[in-house]
PDB file of N, CA and C in Angstrom:
ATOM      1  N   MET A   1      30.697 130.160  14.998  1.00  0.00           N
ATOM      2  CA  MET A   1      31.006 129.695  16.330  1.00  0.00           C
ATOM      3  C   MET A   1      31.333 130.928  17.171  1.00  0.00           C
ATOM      4  N   ALA A   2      30.503 131.202  18.164  1.00  0.00           N
ATOM      5  CA  ALA A   2      30.739 132.322  19.072  1.00  0.00           C
ATOM      6  C   ALA A   2      31.544 131.828  20.271  1.00  0.00           C
ATOM      7  N   LEU A   3      32.590 132.564  20.598  1.00  0.00           N
ATOM      8  CA  LEU A   3      33.444 132.185  21.718  1.00  0.00           C
ATOM      9  C   LEU A   3      33.464 133.306  22.740  1.00  0.00           C
ATOM     10  N   ASP A   4      33.392 132.919  24.015  1.00  0.00           N
ATOM     11  CA  ASP A   4      33.457 133.933  25.065  1.00  0.00           C
ATOM     12  C   ASP A   4      34.911 134.333  25.303  1.00  0.00           C
ATOM     13  N   ALA A   5      35.096 135.369  26.081  1.00  0.00           N
ATOM     14  CA  ALA A   5      36.436 135.911  26.332  1.00  0.00           C
ATOM     15  C   ALA A   5      37.358 134.888  26.990  1.00  0.00           C
ATOM     16  N   GLU A   6      36.821 134.085  27.881  1.00  0.00           N
ATOM     17  CA  GLU A   6      37.633 133.074  28.568  1.00  0.00           C
ATOM     18  C   GLU A   6      38.134 132.010  27.584  1.00  0.00           C
ATOM     19  N   THR A   7      37.257 131.576  26.692  1.00  0.00           N
ATOM     20  CA  THR A   7      37.646 130.572  25.698  1.00  0.00           C
ATOM     21  C   THR A   7      38.656 131.149  24.717  1.00  0.00           C
ATOM     22  N   LEU A   8      38.455 132.393  24.303  1.00  0.00           N
ATOM     23  CA  LEU A   8      39.418 133.032  23.404  1.00  0.00           C
ATOM     24  C   LEU A   8      40.796 133.133  24.045  1.00  0.00           C
ATOM     25  N   ALA A   9      40.838 133.464  25.315  1.00  0.00           N
ATOM     26  CA  ALA A   9      42.112 133.542  26.036  1.00  0.00           C
ATOM     27  C   ALA A   9      42.770 132.161  26.093  1.00  0.00           C
ATOM     28  N   LEU A  10      41.978 131.137  26.329  1.00  0.00           N
ATOM     29  CA  LEU A  10      42.489 129.763  26.377  1.00  0.00           C
ATOM     30  C   LEU A  10      43.076 129.376  25.020  1.00  0.00           C
ATOM     31  N   LEU A  11      42.333 129.645  23.951  1.00  0.00           N
ATOM     32  CA  LEU A  11      42.798 129.282  22.615  1.00  0.00           C
ATOM     33  C   LEU A  11      44.058 130.045  22.232  1.00  0.00           C
ATOM     34  N   LYS A  12      44.123 131.304  22.617  1.00  0.00           N
ATOM     35  CA  LYS A  12      45.324 132.103  22.341  1.00  0.00           C
ATOM     36  C   LYS A  12      46.532 131.514  23.068  1.00  0.00           C
ATOM     37  N   ALA A  13      46.353 131.134  24.326  1.00  0.00           N
ATOM     38  CA  ALA A  13      47.450 130.546  25.097  1.00  0.00           C
ATOM     39  C   ALA A  13      47.890 129.210  24.504  1.00  0.00           C
ATOM     40  N   VAL A  14      46.927 128.390  24.100  1.00  0.00           N
ATOM     41  CA  VAL A  14      47.243 127.095  23.482  1.00  0.00           C
ATOM     42  C   VAL A  14      48.017 127.315  22.189  1.00  0.00           C
ATOM     43  N   PHE A  15      47.576 128.275  21.396  1.00  0.00           N
ATOM     44  CA  PHE A  15      48.256 128.586  20.142  1.00  0.00           C
ATOM     45  C   PHE A  15      49.700 129.012  20.394  1.00  0.00           C
ATOM     46  N   GLN A  16      49.912 129.904  21.356  1.00  0.00           N
ATOM     47  CA  GLN A  16      51.270 130.369  21.660  1.00  0.00           C
ATOM     48  C   GLN A  16      52.149 129.218  22.142  1.00  0.00           C
ATOM     49  N   GLU A  17      51.608 128.348  22.995  1.00  0.00           N
ATOM     50  CA  GLU A  17      52.376 127.196  23.478  1.00  0.00           C
ATOM     51  C   GLU A  17      52.754 126.275  22.322  1.00  0.00           C
ATOM     52  N   ALA A  18      51.782 126.014  21.446  1.00  0.00           N
ATOM     53  CA  ALA A  18      52.044 125.130  20.311  1.00  0.00           C
ATOM     54  C   ALA A  18      53.123 125.728  19.404  1.00  0.00           C
ATOM     55  N   CYS A  19      53.036 127.011  19.136  1.00  0.00           N
ATOM     56  CA  CYS A  19      54.047 127.672  18.300  1.00  0.00           C
ATOM     57  C   CYS A  19      55.422 127.598  18.946  1.00  0.00           C
ATOM     58  N   ASN A  20      55.483 127.782  20.241  1.00  0.00           N
ATOM     59  CA  ASN A  20      56.760 127.747  20.952  1.00  0.00           C
ATOM     60  C   ASN A  20      57.387 126.359  20.956  1.00  0.00           C
ATOM     61  N   LEU A  21      56.565 125.326  20.772  1.00  0.00           N
ATOM     62  CA  LEU A  21      57.085 123.962  20.736  1.00  0.00           C
ATOM     63  C   LEU A  21      57.656 123.587  19.370  1.00  0.00           C
ATOM     64  N   LEU A  22      57.352 124.384  18.374  1.00  0.00           N
ATOM     65  CA  LEU A  22      57.904 124.126  17.044  1.00  0.00           C
ATOM     66  C   LEU A  22      59.370 124.530  16.992  1.00  0.00           C
ATOM     67  N   PRO A  23      60.166 123.796  16.231  1.00  0.00           N
ATOM     68  CA  PRO A  23      61.544 124.245  16.024  1.00  0.00           C
ATOM     69  C   PRO A  23      61.518 125.619  15.357  1.00  0.00           C
ATOM     70  N   PRO A  24      62.470 126.471  15.673  1.00  0.00           N
ATOM     71  CA  PRO A  24      62.470 127.832  15.115  1.00  0.00           C
ATOM     72  C   PRO A  24      62.335 127.895  13.592  1.00  0.00           C
ATOM     73  N   ASN A  25      62.938 126.954  12.889  1.00  0.00           N
ATOM     74  CA  ASN A  25      62.865 126.998  11.422  1.00  0.00           C
ATOM     75  C   ASN A  25      61.489 126.608  10.882  1.00  0.00           C
ATOM     76  N   GLN A  26      60.607 126.115  11.736  1.00  0.00           N
ATOM     77  CA  GLN A  26      59.262 125.739  11.305  1.00  0.00           C
ATOM     78  C   GLN A  26      58.205 126.753  11.749  1.00  0.00           C
ATOM     79  N   ARG A  27      58.610 127.810  12.349  1.00  0.00           N
ATOM     80  CA  ARG A  27      57.661 128.825  12.830  1.00  0.00           C
ATOM     81  C   ARG A  27      57.311 129.812  11.716  1.00  0.00           C
ATOM     82  N   THR A  28      56.869 129.261  10.617  1.00  0.00           N
ATOM     83  CA  THR A  28      56.515 130.082   9.462  1.00  0.00           C
ATOM     84  C   THR A  28      55.062 130.549   9.581  1.00  0.00           C
ATOM     85  N   HIS A  29      54.716 131.504   8.740  1.00  0.00           N
ATOM     86  CA  HIS A  29      53.340 131.981   8.700  1.00  0.00           C
ATOM     87  C   HIS A  29      52.390 130.825   8.365  1.00  0.00           C
ATOM     88  N   GLU A  30      52.769 129.995   7.410  1.00  0.00           N
ATOM     89  CA  GLU A  30      51.934 128.872   7.005  1.00  0.00           C
ATOM     90  C   GLU A  30      51.726 127.882   8.153  1.00  0.00           C
ATOM     91  N   MET A  31      52.796 127.604   8.884  1.00  0.00           N
ATOM     92  CA  MET A  31      52.708 126.656   9.999  1.00  0.00           C
ATOM     93  C   MET A  31      51.838 127.228  11.108  1.00  0.00           C
ATOM     94  N   ARG A  32      52.034 128.493  11.414  1.00  0.00           N
ATOM     95  CA  ARG A  32      51.223 129.127  12.456  1.00  0.00           C
ATOM     96  C   ARG A  32      49.752 129.151  12.054  1.00  0.00           C
ATOM     97  N   SER A  33      49.498 129.394  10.788  1.00  0.00           N
ATOM     98  CA  SER A  33      48.127 129.393  10.283  1.00  0.00           C
ATOM     99  C   SER A  33      47.506 128.004  10.398  1.00  0.00           C
ATOM    100  N   ALA A  34      48.254 126.982  10.029  1.00  0.00           N
ATOM    101  CA  ALA A  34      47.756 125.608  10.121  1.00  0.00           C
ATOM    102  C   ALA A  34      47.453 125.227  11.572  1.00  0.00           C
ATOM    103  N   LEU A  35      48.316 125.641  12.486  1.00  0.00           N
ATOM    104  CA  LEU A  35      48.071 125.370  13.906  1.00  0.00           C
ATOM    105  C   LEU A  35      46.797 126.051  14.381  1.00  0.00           C
ATOM    106  N   SER A  36      46.621 127.300  14.011  1.00  0.00           N
ATOM    107  CA  SER A  36      45.438 128.033  14.464  1.00  0.00           C
ATOM    108  C   SER A  36      44.158 127.411  13.915  1.00  0.00           C
ATOM    109  N   VAL A  37      44.186 126.991  12.666  1.00  0.00           N
ATOM    110  CA  VAL A  37      43.009 126.353  12.074  1.00  0.00           C
ATOM    111  C   VAL A  37      42.684 125.056  12.810  1.00  0.00           C
ATOM    112  N   ARG A  38      43.692 124.267  13.081  1.00  0.00           N
ATOM    113  CA  ARG A  38      43.466 122.979  13.766  1.00  0.00           C
ATOM    114  C   ARG A  38      42.947 123.204  15.184  1.00  0.00           C
ATOM    115  N   ILE A  39      43.487 124.170  15.890  1.00  0.00           N
ATOM    116  CA  ILE A  39      43.017 124.469  17.242  1.00  0.00           C
ATOM    117  C   ILE A  39      41.554 124.915  17.208  1.00  0.00           C
ATOM    118  N   LEU A  40      41.231 125.772  16.264  1.00  0.00           N
ATOM    119  CA  LEU A  40      39.846 126.243  16.142  1.00  0.00           C
ATOM    120  C   LEU A  40      38.892 125.107  15.769  1.00  0.00           C
ATOM    121  N   LYS A  41      39.319 124.204  14.914  1.00  0.00           N
ATOM    122  CA  LYS A  41      38.477 123.062  14.550  1.00  0.00           C
ATOM    123  C   LYS A  41      38.186 122.184  15.762  1.00  0.00           C
ATOM    124  N   CYS A  42      39.208 121.933  16.546  1.00  0.00           N
ATOM    125  CA  CYS A  42      39.014 121.122  17.757  1.00  0.00           C
ATOM    126  C   CYS A  42      38.093 121.843  18.743  1.00  0.00           C
ATOM    127  N   ALA A  43      38.278 123.142  18.878  1.00  0.00           N
ATOM    128  CA  ALA A  43      37.427 123.923  19.781  1.00  0.00           C
ATOM    129  C   ALA A  43      35.982 123.923  19.294  1.00  0.00           C
ATOM    130  N   ALA A  44      35.793 123.972  17.987  1.00  0.00           N
ATOM    131  CA  ALA A  44      34.442 123.955  17.421  1.00  0.00           C
ATOM    132  C   ALA A  44      33.737 122.632  17.710  1.00  0.00           C
ATOM    133  N   GLN A  45      34.523 121.588  17.917  1.00  0.00           N
ATOM    134  CA  GLN A  45      33.964 120.280  18.255  1.00  0.00           C
ATOM    135  C   GLN A  45      33.743 120.136  19.763  1.00  0.00           C
ATOM    136  N   GLY A  46      34.029 121.212  20.498  1.00  0.00           N
ATOM    137  CA  GLY A  46      33.761 121.214  21.927  1.00  0.00           C
ATOM    138  C   GLY A  46      34.957 120.977  22.834  1.00  0.00           C
ATOM    139  N   GLU A  47      36.124 120.767  22.255  1.00  0.00           N
ATOM    140  CA  GLU A  47      37.312 120.506  23.077  1.00  0.00           C
ATOM    141  C   GLU A  47      37.754 121.791  23.768  1.00  0.00           C
ATOM    142  N   ARG A  48      37.997 121.699  25.064  1.00  0.00           N
ATOM    143  CA  ARG A  48      38.471 122.859  25.827  1.00  0.00           C
ATOM    144  C   ARG A  48      39.699 122.541  26.672  1.00  0.00           C
ATOM    145  N   ASN A  49      40.128 121.291  26.668  1.00  0.00           N
ATOM    146  CA  ASN A  49      41.305 120.907  27.438  1.00  0.00           C
ATOM    147  C   ASN A  49      42.540 121.411  26.705  1.00  0.00           C
ATOM    148  N   PRO A  50      43.340 122.290  27.344  1.00  0.00           N
ATOM    149  CA  PRO A  50      44.488 122.886  26.655  1.00  0.00           C
ATOM    150  C   PRO A  50      45.511 121.861  26.163  1.00  0.00           C
ATOM    151  N   THR A  51      45.748 120.837  26.946  1.00  0.00           N
ATOM    152  CA  THR A  51      46.728 119.824  26.543  1.00  0.00           C
ATOM    153  C   THR A  51      46.254 119.072  25.312  1.00  0.00           C
ATOM    154  N   ARG A  52      44.987 118.689  25.299  1.00  0.00           N
ATOM    155  CA  ARG A  52      44.459 117.969  24.136  1.00  0.00           C
ATOM    156  C   ARG A  52      44.401 118.870  22.904  1.00  0.00           C
ATOM    157  N   LEU A  53      44.021 120.118  23.084  1.00  0.00           N
ATOM    158  CA  LEU A  53      44.001 121.049  21.954  1.00  0.00           C
ATOM    159  C   LEU A  53      45.386 121.184  21.331  1.00  0.00           C
ATOM    160  N   ARG A  54      46.374 121.409  22.175  1.00  0.00           N
ATOM    161  CA  ARG A  54      47.749 121.584  21.695  1.00  0.00           C
ATOM    162  C   ARG A  54      48.269 120.299  21.051  1.00  0.00           C
ATOM    163  N   THR A  55      48.036 119.166  21.706  1.00  0.00           N
ATOM    164  CA  THR A  55      48.522 117.889  21.194  1.00  0.00           C
ATOM    165  C   THR A  55      47.894 117.551  19.854  1.00  0.00           C
ATOM    166  N   ARG A  56      46.589 117.749  19.738  1.00  0.00           N
ATOM    167  CA  ARG A  56      45.906 117.450  18.470  1.00  0.00           C
ATOM    168  C   ARG A  56      46.373 118.369  17.349  1.00  0.00           C
ATOM    169  N   ALA A  57      46.572 119.621  17.659  1.00  0.00           N
ATOM    170  CA  ALA A  57      47.030 120.565  16.631  1.00  0.00           C
ATOM    171  C   ALA A  57      48.427 120.195  16.147  1.00  0.00           C
ATOM    172  N   LEU A  58      49.324 119.937  17.076  1.00  0.00           N
ATOM    173  CA  LEU A  58      50.695 119.586  16.693  1.00  0.00           C
ATOM    174  C   LEU A  58      50.743 118.240  15.984  1.00  0.00           C
ATOM    175  N   ALA A  59      49.932 117.283  16.431  1.00  0.00           N
ATOM    176  CA  ALA A  59      49.909 115.967  15.795  1.00  0.00           C
ATOM    177  C   ALA A  59      49.435 116.076  14.351  1.00  0.00           C
ATOM    178  N   ALA A  60      48.410 116.877  14.123  1.00  0.00           N
ATOM    179  CA  ALA A  60      47.897 117.044  12.760  1.00  0.00           C
ATOM    180  C   ALA A  60      48.953 117.655  11.855  1.00  0.00           C
ATOM    181  N   ILE A  61      49.711 118.583  12.390  1.00  0.00           N
ATOM    182  CA  ILE A  61      50.749 119.250  11.600  1.00  0.00           C
ATOM    183  C   ILE A  61      51.885 118.282  11.290  1.00  0.00           C
ATOM    184  N   THR A  62      52.328 117.534  12.294  1.00  0.00           N
ATOM    185  CA  THR A  62      53.449 116.621  12.067  1.00  0.00           C
ATOM    186  C   THR A  62      53.048 115.456  11.176  1.00  0.00           C
ATOM    187  N   GLU A  63      51.773 115.058  11.222  1.00  0.00           N
ATOM    188  CA  GLU A  63      51.310 113.992  10.329  1.00  0.00           C
ATOM    189  C   GLU A  63      51.411 114.424   8.882  1.00  0.00           C
ATOM    190  N   THR A  64      51.022 115.651   8.596  1.00  0.00           N
ATOM    191  CA  THR A  64      51.070 116.114   7.213  1.00  0.00           C
ATOM    192  C   THR A  64      52.504 116.290   6.739  1.00  0.00           C
ATOM    193  N   GLN A  65      53.403 116.589   7.650  1.00  0.00           N
ATOM    194  CA  GLN A  65      54.802 116.776   7.262  1.00  0.00           C
ATOM    195  C   GLN A  65      55.538 115.452   7.142  1.00  0.00           C
ATOM    196  N   SER A  66      55.109 114.440   7.889  1.00  0.00           N
ATOM    197  CA  SER A  66      55.846 113.183   7.886  1.00  0.00           C
ATOM    198  C   SER A  66      55.278 112.166   6.922  1.00  0.00           C
ATOM    199  N   THR A  67      54.286 112.561   6.132  1.00  0.00           N
ATOM    200  CA  THR A  67      53.759 111.651   5.134  1.00  0.00           C
ATOM    201  C   THR A  67      54.853 111.379   4.120  1.00  0.00           C
ATOM    202  N   PRO A  68      55.211 110.100   3.976  1.00  0.00           N
ATOM    203  CA  PRO A  68      56.319 109.802   3.066  1.00  0.00           C
ATOM    204  C   PRO A  68      55.959 110.113   1.624  1.00  0.00           C
ATOM    205  N   ALA A  69      56.930 110.620   0.948  1.00  0.00           N
ATOM    206  CA  ALA A  69      56.741 110.924  -0.467  1.00  0.00           C
ATOM    207  C   ALA A  69      56.761 109.619  -1.256  1.00  0.00           C
ATOM    208  N   MET A  70      56.198 109.667  -2.407  1.00  0.00           N
ATOM    209  CA  MET A  70      56.214 108.490  -3.265  1.00  0.00           C
ATOM    210  C   MET A  70      57.660 108.201  -3.644  1.00  0.00           C
ATOM    211  N   PRO A  71      58.031 106.932  -3.541  1.00  0.00           N
ATOM    212  CA  PRO A  71      59.416 106.616  -3.916  1.00  0.00           C
ATOM    213  C   PRO A  71      59.639 106.824  -5.400  1.00  0.00           C
ATOM    214  N   ILE A  72      60.828 107.208  -5.700  1.00  0.00           N
ATOM    215  CA  ILE A  72      61.194 107.397  -7.104  1.00  0.00           C
ATOM    216  C   ILE A  72      61.581 106.040  -7.659  1.00  0.00           C
ATOM    217  N   ARG A  73      60.925 105.665  -8.706  1.00  0.00           N
ATOM    218  CA  ARG A  73      61.255 104.385  -9.326  1.00  0.00           C
ATOM    219  C   ARG A  73      62.315 104.610 -10.388  1.00  0.00           C
ATOM    220  N   ARG A  74      63.287 103.820 -10.303  1.00  0.00           N
ATOM    221  CA  ARG A  74      64.348 103.913 -11.308  1.00  0.00           C
ATOM    222  C   ARG A  74      64.166 102.740 -12.257  1.00  0.00           C
ATOM    223  N   HIS A  75      64.125 103.058 -13.473  1.00  0.00           N
ATOM    224  CA  HIS A  75      63.967 102.015 -14.476  1.00  0.00           C
ATOM    225  C   HIS A  75      65.328 101.446 -14.814  1.00  0.00           C
ATOM    226  N   ALA A  76      65.378 100.154 -14.768  1.00  0.00           N
ATOM    227  CA  ALA A  76      66.617  99.501 -15.135  1.00  0.00           C
ATOM    228  C   ALA A  76      66.701  99.462 -16.657  1.00  0.00           C
ATOM    229  N   HIS A  77      67.741 100.029 -17.151  1.00  0.00           N
ATOM    230  CA  HIS A  77      67.946 100.017 -18.588  1.00  0.00           C
ATOM    231  C   HIS A  77      68.856  98.840 -18.919  1.00  0.00           C
ATOM    232  N   SER A  78      68.370  98.027 -19.773  1.00  0.00           N
ATOM    233  CA  SER A  78      69.225  96.889 -20.133  1.00  0.00           C
ATOM    234  C   SER A  78      70.265  97.358 -21.144  1.00  0.00           C
ATOM    235  N   ARG A  79      71.474  97.082 -20.820  1.00  0.00           N
ATOM    236  CA  ARG A  79      72.577  97.452 -21.713  1.00  0.00           C
ATOM    237  C   ARG A  79      73.295  96.174 -22.077  1.00  0.00           C
ATOM    238  N   ARG A  80      73.533  96.056 -23.323  1.00  0.00           N
ATOM    239  CA  ARG A  80      74.303  94.905 -23.772  1.00  0.00           C
ATOM    240  C   ARG A  80      75.711  95.367 -24.084  1.00  0.00           C
ATOM    241  N   ASP A  81      76.632  94.738 -23.445  1.00  0.00           N
ATOM    242  CA  ASP A  81      78.024  95.069 -23.759  1.00  0.00           C
ATOM    243  C   ASP A  81      78.428  94.318 -25.001  1.00  0.00           C
ATOM    244  N   ASN A  82      78.997  94.994 -25.945  1.00  0.00           N
ATOM    245  CA  ASN A  82      79.424  94.350 -27.191  1.00  0.00           C
ATOM    246  C   ASN A  82      80.834  93.921 -27.098  1.00  0.00           C
TER     247      ASN A  82
END
């Protein structure tokens, strides 16, 4: 995917805005990388609206973080009192 200078500037600005919207404790290398990948994927699909790019990137990240974990099943042990 070849991007012109104007599009690269747009994507860089969207990335910085998205990173700034994250809580400070979530501004990790992994999170920043995930945001950049999502922004680039949306751009590769033709999206150029900065608000939609940022919203889609952040939504994808929060969806993966808010996926509930499997509940822990506790087995009831039958105990007989003597």
